Amino acid sequence: MLKVKQGDLDKLGLLFERYNRRLFHFFYRLTHRRDVSEDLVQGVFERILKHRNTYTENGAFSAWIFQIARNLQIDHYRKNQKYQLTAQEVNWNQMEGAPGELPSMEEADTDMALLQQALSQLDNTKRQTLVLSRFEGFKYKEIAEIMDCSESAVKVRVYRALQELKVCMKELKRKNYD
């Protein structure tokens, strides 16, 4: 990134190769739409190019790029809040980070669908926090940098999001099995 900041824009292609897939998965887990996720990945690299002079070596580059991604997703979410995701629009099989193996594929598919429904019911901040910690593998300190908050705030958000997710899962299971 320092080379890009100094004007070597060819290095942006290398950064794209390293981060585009990870960013795509981050966005896809939040939006469940391939087209939107691809557009948001492009938007991240446009912002990197536009704001390359603001990059400092403080903290990890991955935290900086995901902070840009998070801000871009928030902007997108605010613009498109009216859009409601339906279960038919989600390609459950493409989601990574599925729960552990279950006795049958049918049960696994059902649980995965319920998990994704429950995740989509969380508010945007809680969903982002869980995606960053559980799917993207960021440490709480890195998430704090990305979300511009304290590490303890991240711990609380993860805890509360997991508690809310459990309640949502129980409710969805009850509705599906009644």
C-alpha atoms as a PDB file:
ATOM      1  CA  MET A   1       0.000   0.000   0.000  1.00  0.00           C
ATOM      2  CA  LEU A   2       2.913   2.324   0.638  1.00  0.00           C
ATOM      3  CA  LYS A   3       3.928   1.923  -3.026  1.00  0.00           C
ATOM      4  CA  VAL A   4       0.369   2.801  -4.120  1.00  0.00           C
ATOM      5  CA  LYS A   5       0.444   5.818  -1.836  1.00  0.00           C
ATOM      6  CA  GLN A   6       3.707   6.917  -3.486  1.00  0.00           C
ATOM      7  CA  GLY A   7       2.078   6.713  -6.934  1.00  0.00           C
ATOM      8  CA  ASP A   8       2.910   3.168  -8.106  1.00  0.00           C
ATOM      9  CA  LEU A   9      -0.678   2.377  -9.083  1.00  0.00           C
ATOM     10  CA  ASP A  10       0.304  -0.972 -10.623  1.00  0.00           C
ATOM     11  CA  LYS A  11       0.626  -2.299  -7.060  1.00  0.00           C
ATOM     12  CA  LEU A  12      -3.110  -1.727  -6.592  1.00  0.00           C
ATOM     13  CA  GLY A  13      -3.645  -4.773  -8.826  1.00  0.00           C
ATOM     14  CA  LEU A  14      -1.602  -6.866  -6.405  1.00  0.00           C
ATOM     15  CA  LEU A  15      -3.687  -5.630  -3.489  1.00  0.00           C
ATOM     16  CA  PHE A  16      -6.820  -6.467  -5.463  1.00  0.00           C
ATOM     17  CA  GLU A  17      -5.577 -10.016  -6.054  1.00  0.00           C
ATOM     18  CA  ARG A  18      -4.835 -10.452  -2.350  1.00  0.00           C
ATOM     19  CA  TYR A  19      -8.040  -8.981  -0.929  1.00  0.00           C
ATOM     20  CA  ASN A  20     -10.845  -9.136  -3.504  1.00  0.00           C
ATOM     21  CA  ARG A  21     -12.042 -12.626  -2.577  1.00  0.00           C
ATOM     22  CA  ARG A  22     -11.980 -11.944   1.150  1.00  0.00           C
ATOM     23  CA  LEU A  23     -13.820  -8.659   0.668  1.00  0.00           C
ATOM     24  CA  PHE A  24     -16.350 -10.359  -1.604  1.00  0.00           C
ATOM     25  CA  HIS A  25     -17.104 -12.960   1.077  1.00  0.00           C
ATOM     26  CA  PHE A  26     -17.444 -10.226   3.697  1.00  0.00           C
ATOM     27  CA  PHE A  27     -19.963  -8.342   1.556  1.00  0.00           C
ATOM     28  CA  TYR A  28     -21.777 -11.491   0.453  1.00  0.00           C
ATOM     29  CA  ARG A  29     -22.339 -12.558   4.039  1.00  0.00           C
ATOM     30  CA  LEU A  30     -23.899  -9.170   4.733  1.00  0.00           C
ATOM     31  CA  THR A  31     -25.921  -8.661   1.547  1.00  0.00           C
ATOM     32  CA  HIS A  32     -26.482 -12.212   0.213  1.00  0.00           C
ATOM     33  CA  ARG A  33     -26.286 -10.765  -3.302  1.00  0.00           C
ATOM     34  CA  ARG A  34     -23.445 -11.548  -5.695  1.00  0.00           C
ATOM     35  CA  ASP A  35     -23.964  -8.474  -7.878  1.00  0.00           C
ATOM     36  CA  VAL A  36     -24.024  -6.068  -4.946  1.00  0.00           C
ATOM     37  CA  SER A  37     -20.991  -7.747  -3.362  1.00  0.00           C
ATOM     38  CA  GLU A  38     -18.987  -7.439  -6.587  1.00  0.00           C
ATOM     39  CA  ASP A  39     -19.927  -3.766  -6.893  1.00  0.00           C
ATOM     40  CA  LEU A  40     -18.948  -3.096  -3.285  1.00  0.00           C
ATOM     41  CA  VAL A  41     -15.546  -4.770  -3.764  1.00  0.00           C
ATOM     42  CA  GLN A  42     -14.924  -2.471  -6.733  1.00  0.00           C
ATOM     43  CA  GLY A  43     -16.046   0.458  -4.596  1.00  0.00           C
ATOM     44  CA  VAL A  44     -13.468  -0.406  -1.930  1.00  0.00           C
ATOM     45  CA  PHE A  45     -10.637  -0.244  -4.453  1.00  0.00           C
ATOM     46  CA  GLU A  46     -11.992   2.980  -5.912  1.00  0.00           C
ATOM     47  CA  ARG A  47     -11.935   4.480  -2.428  1.00  0.00           C
ATOM     48  CA  ILE A  48      -8.429   3.142  -1.806  1.00  0.00           C
ATOM     49  CA  LEU A  49      -7.262   4.844  -4.980  1.00  0.00           C
ATOM     50  CA  LYS A  50      -9.096   8.073  -4.190  1.00  0.00           C
ATOM     51  CA  HIS A  51      -7.965   8.225  -0.544  1.00  0.00           C
ATOM     52  CA  ARG A  52      -4.538   6.586  -0.827  1.00  0.00           C
ATOM     53  CA  ASN A  53      -2.859   9.608   0.716  1.00  0.00           C
ATOM     54  CA  THR A  54      -4.744   9.056   3.986  1.00  0.00           C
ATOM     55  CA  TYR A  55      -3.155   5.634   4.560  1.00  0.00           C
ATOM     56  CA  THR A  56      -0.778   5.514   7.515  1.00  0.00           C
ATOM     57  CA  GLU A  57       1.261   2.581   8.725  1.00  0.00           C
ATOM     58  CA  ASN A  58      -0.574   2.608  12.062  1.00  0.00           C
ATOM     59  CA  GLY A  59      -2.245  -0.763  12.539  1.00  0.00           C
ATOM     60  CA  ALA A  60      -2.675  -3.609  10.103  1.00  0.00           C
ATOM     61  CA  PHE A  61      -3.441  -2.919   6.447  1.00  0.00           C
ATOM     62  CA  SER A  62      -6.228  -5.507   6.577  1.00  0.00           C
ATOM     63  CA  ALA A  63      -7.920  -3.491   9.334  1.00  0.00           C
ATOM     64  CA  TRP A  64      -7.650  -0.324   7.224  1.00  0.00           C
ATOM     65  CA  ILE A  65      -9.112  -1.955   4.111  1.00  0.00           C
ATOM     66  CA  PHE A  66     -11.936  -3.582   6.064  1.00  0.00           C
ATOM     67  CA  GLN A  67     -12.717  -0.260   7.702  1.00  0.00           C
ATOM     68  CA  ILE A  68     -13.193   1.151   4.207  1.00  0.00           C
ATOM     69  CA  ALA A  69     -15.302  -1.904   3.311  1.00  0.00           C
ATOM     70  CA  ARG A  70     -17.445  -1.531   6.414  1.00  0.00           C
ATOM     71  CA  ASN A  71     -18.053   2.163   5.755  1.00  0.00           C
ATOM     72  CA  LEU A  72     -18.957   1.430   2.142  1.00  0.00           C
ATOM     73  CA  GLN A  73     -21.390  -1.293   3.220  1.00  0.00           C
ATOM     74  CA  ILE A  74     -22.996   1.060   5.745  1.00  0.00           C
ATOM     75  CA  ASP A  75     -23.444   3.676   3.011  1.00  0.00           C
ATOM     76  CA  HIS A  76     -24.975   1.044   0.732  1.00  0.00           C
ATOM     77  CA  TYR A  77     -27.235  -0.232   3.530  1.00  0.00           C
ATOM     78  CA  ARG A  78     -28.530   3.263   4.278  1.00  0.00           C
ATOM     79  CA  LYS A  79     -29.283   3.920   0.622  1.00  0.00           C
ATOM     80  CA  ASN A  80     -31.062   0.585   0.176  1.00  0.00           C
ATOM     81  CA  GLN A  81     -32.715   0.049   3.563  1.00  0.00           C
ATOM     82  CA  LYS A  82     -36.083  -0.595   1.940  1.00  0.00           C
ATOM     83  CA  TYR A  83     -34.753  -3.753   0.305  1.00  0.00           C
ATOM     84  CA  GLN A  84     -35.907  -6.815   2.232  1.00  0.00           C
ATOM     85  CA  LEU A  85     -34.061 -10.081   1.709  1.00  0.00           C
ATOM     86  CA  THR A  86     -36.210 -13.121   1.114  1.00  0.00           C
ATOM     87  CA  ALA A  87     -35.138 -16.691   1.710  1.00  0.00           C
ATOM     88  CA  GLN A  88     -35.513 -17.483  -1.999  1.00  0.00           C
ATOM     89  CA  GLU A  89     -32.884 -14.887  -2.949  1.00  0.00           C
ATOM     90  CA  VAL A  90     -30.164 -16.370  -0.749  1.00  0.00           C
ATOM     91  CA  ASN A  91     -27.925 -19.045  -2.206  1.00  0.00           C
ATOM     92  CA  TRP A  92     -27.349 -20.945   1.020  1.00  0.00           C
ATOM     93  CA  ASN A  93     -24.893 -23.384  -0.529  1.00  0.00           C
ATOM     94  CA  GLN A  94     -22.399 -20.625  -1.319  1.00  0.00           C
ATOM     95  CA  MET A  95     -22.175 -19.425   2.250  1.00  0.00           C
ATOM     96  CA  GLU A  96     -18.941 -20.333   4.020  1.00  0.00           C
ATOM     97  CA  GLY A  97     -18.497 -20.920   7.706  1.00  0.00           C
ATOM     98  CA  ALA A  98     -21.415 -23.334   7.992  1.00  0.00           C
ATOM     99  CA  PRO A  99     -22.068 -24.967  11.347  1.00  0.00           C
ATOM    100  CA  GLY A 100     -20.402 -28.311  12.097  1.00  0.00           C
ATOM    101  CA  GLU A 101     -21.475 -31.448  10.303  1.00  0.00           C
ATOM    102  CA  LEU A 102     -24.909 -32.733  11.187  1.00  0.00           C
ATOM    103  CA  PRO A 103     -26.345 -36.215  10.778  1.00  0.00           C
ATOM    104  CA  SER A 104     -28.083 -35.530   7.464  1.00  0.00           C
ATOM    105  CA  MET A 105     -27.658 -33.052   4.631  1.00  0.00           C
ATOM    106  CA  GLU A 106     -31.311 -32.059   4.903  1.00  0.00           C
ATOM    107  CA  GLU A 107     -30.863 -31.083   8.552  1.00  0.00           C
ATOM    108  CA  ALA A 108     -27.641 -29.229   7.721  1.00  0.00           C
ATOM    109  CA  ASP A 109     -29.364 -27.293   4.942  1.00  0.00           C
ATOM    110  CA  THR A 110     -32.246 -26.421   7.251  1.00  0.00           C
ATOM    111  CA  ASP A 111     -29.944 -25.280  10.061  1.00  0.00           C
ATOM    112  CA  MET A 112     -27.828 -23.257   7.637  1.00  0.00           C
ATOM    113  CA  ALA A 113     -30.941 -21.596   6.240  1.00  0.00           C
ATOM    114  CA  LEU A 114     -32.139 -20.811   9.757  1.00  0.00           C
ATOM    115  CA  LEU A 115     -28.738 -19.421  10.710  1.00  0.00           C
ATOM    116  CA  GLN A 116     -28.728 -17.123   7.690  1.00  0.00           C
ATOM    117  CA  GLN A 117     -32.292 -15.997   8.410  1.00  0.00           C
ATOM    118  CA  ALA A 118     -31.359 -15.298  12.013  1.00  0.00           C
ATOM    119  CA  LEU A 119     -28.235 -13.379  10.933  1.00  0.00           C
ATOM    120  CA  SER A 120     -30.299 -11.254   8.568  1.00  0.00           C
ATOM    121  CA  GLN A 121     -32.578 -10.288  11.483  1.00  0.00           C
ATOM    122  CA  LEU A 122     -29.693  -8.749  13.433  1.00  0.00           C
ATOM    123  CA  ASP A 123     -29.053  -5.058  13.043  1.00  0.00           C
ATOM    124  CA  ASN A 124     -26.268  -4.112  10.660  1.00  0.00           C
ATOM    125  CA  THR A 125     -23.643  -3.424  13.355  1.00  0.00           C
ATOM    126  CA  LYS A 126     -24.171  -6.743  15.123  1.00  0.00           C
ATOM    127  CA  ARG A 127     -24.168  -8.635  11.815  1.00  0.00           C
ATOM    128  CA  GLN A 128     -20.938  -6.915  10.736  1.00  0.00           C
ATOM    129  CA  THR A 129     -19.298  -7.670  14.080  1.00  0.00           C
ATOM    130  CA  LEU A 130     -20.178 -11.374  13.861  1.00  0.00           C
ATOM    131  CA  VAL A 131     -19.081 -11.630  10.231  1.00  0.00           C
ATOM    132  CA  LEU A 132     -15.737  -9.999  11.022  1.00  0.00           C
ATOM    133  CA  SER A 133     -15.092 -12.141  14.098  1.00  0.00           C
ATOM    134  CA  ARG A 134     -16.580 -15.508  13.167  1.00  0.00           C
ATOM    135  CA  PHE A 135     -16.299 -15.634   9.370  1.00  0.00           C
ATOM    136  CA  GLU A 136     -13.373 -13.341   8.565  1.00  0.00           C
ATOM    137  CA  GLY A 137     -11.288 -14.366  11.572  1.00  0.00           C
ATOM    138  CA  PHE A 138     -10.333 -10.914  12.793  1.00  0.00           C
ATOM    139  CA  LYS A 139      -9.201 -10.551  16.388  1.00  0.00           C
ATOM    140  CA  TYR A 140     -11.196  -8.234  18.638  1.00  0.00           C
ATOM    141  CA  LYS A 141      -8.408  -5.654  18.569  1.00  0.00           C
ATOM    142  CA  GLU A 142      -8.533  -5.542  14.753  1.00  0.00           C
ATOM    143  CA  ILE A 143     -12.321  -5.332  14.761  1.00  0.00           C
ATOM    144  CA  ALA A 144     -12.053  -2.410  17.160  1.00  0.00           C
ATOM    145  CA  GLU A 145      -9.829  -0.627  14.616  1.00  0.00           C
ATOM    146  CA  ILE A 146     -12.207  -1.432  11.771  1.00  0.00           C
ATOM    147  CA  MET A 147     -15.298  -0.335  13.667  1.00  0.00           C
ATOM    148  CA  ASP A 148     -13.596   2.604  15.370  1.00  0.00           C
ATOM    149  CA  CYS A 149     -14.475   1.549  18.909  1.00  0.00           C
ATOM    150  CA  SER A 150     -12.786  -0.029  21.922  1.00  0.00           C
ATOM    151  CA  GLU A 151     -11.860  -3.687  22.147  1.00  0.00           C
ATOM    152  CA  SER A 152     -14.213  -4.105  25.099  1.00  0.00           C
ATOM    153  CA  ALA A 153     -17.061  -2.641  23.023  1.00  0.00           C
ATOM    154  CA  VAL A 154     -16.362  -5.293  20.381  1.00  0.00           C
ATOM    155  CA  LYS A 155     -16.497  -8.033  23.027  1.00  0.00           C
ATOM    156  CA  VAL A 156     -19.845  -6.727  24.236  1.00  0.00           C
ATOM    157  CA  ARG A 157     -21.189  -6.479  20.676  1.00  0.00           C
ATOM    158  CA  VAL A 158     -20.130 -10.042  19.881  1.00  0.00           C
ATOM    159  CA  TYR A 159     -21.652 -11.340  23.096  1.00  0.00           C
ATOM    160  CA  ARG A 160     -24.935  -9.497  22.566  1.00  0.00           C
ATOM    161  CA  ALA A 161     -25.086 -10.467  18.899  1.00  0.00           C
ATOM    162  CA  LEU A 162     -24.553 -14.144  19.764  1.00  0.00           C
ATOM    163  CA  GLN A 163     -27.239 -13.969  22.457  1.00  0.00           C
ATOM    164  CA  GLU A 164     -29.668 -12.343  20.036  1.00  0.00           C
ATOM    165  CA  LEU A 165     -28.734 -14.868  17.349  1.00  0.00           C
ATOM    166  CA  LYS A 166     -29.527 -17.753  19.715  1.00  0.00           C
ATOM    167  CA  VAL A 167     -32.940 -16.275  20.492  1.00  0.00           C
ATOM    168  CA  CYS A 168     -33.648 -15.754  16.789  1.00  0.00           C
ATOM    169  CA  MET A 169     -32.567 -19.317  15.996  1.00  0.00           C
ATOM    170  CA  LYS A 170     -34.836 -20.764  18.695  1.00  0.00           C
ATOM    171  CA  GLU A 171     -37.759 -18.698  17.447  1.00  0.00           C
ATOM    172  CA  LEU A 172     -37.177 -19.697  13.819  1.00  0.00           C
ATOM    173  CA  LYS A 173     -36.836 -23.369  14.750  1.00  0.00           C
ATOM    174  CA  ARG A 174     -40.037 -23.182  16.778  1.00  0.00           C
ATOM    175  CA  LYS A 175     -41.889 -21.595  13.836  1.00  0.00           C
ATOM    176  CA  ASN A 176     -40.513 -24.141  11.351  1.00  0.00           C
ATOM    177  CA  TYR A 177     -41.222 -27.206  13.460  1.00  0.00           C
ATOM    178  CA  ASP A 178     -44.691 -26.209  14.697  1.00  0.00           C
END
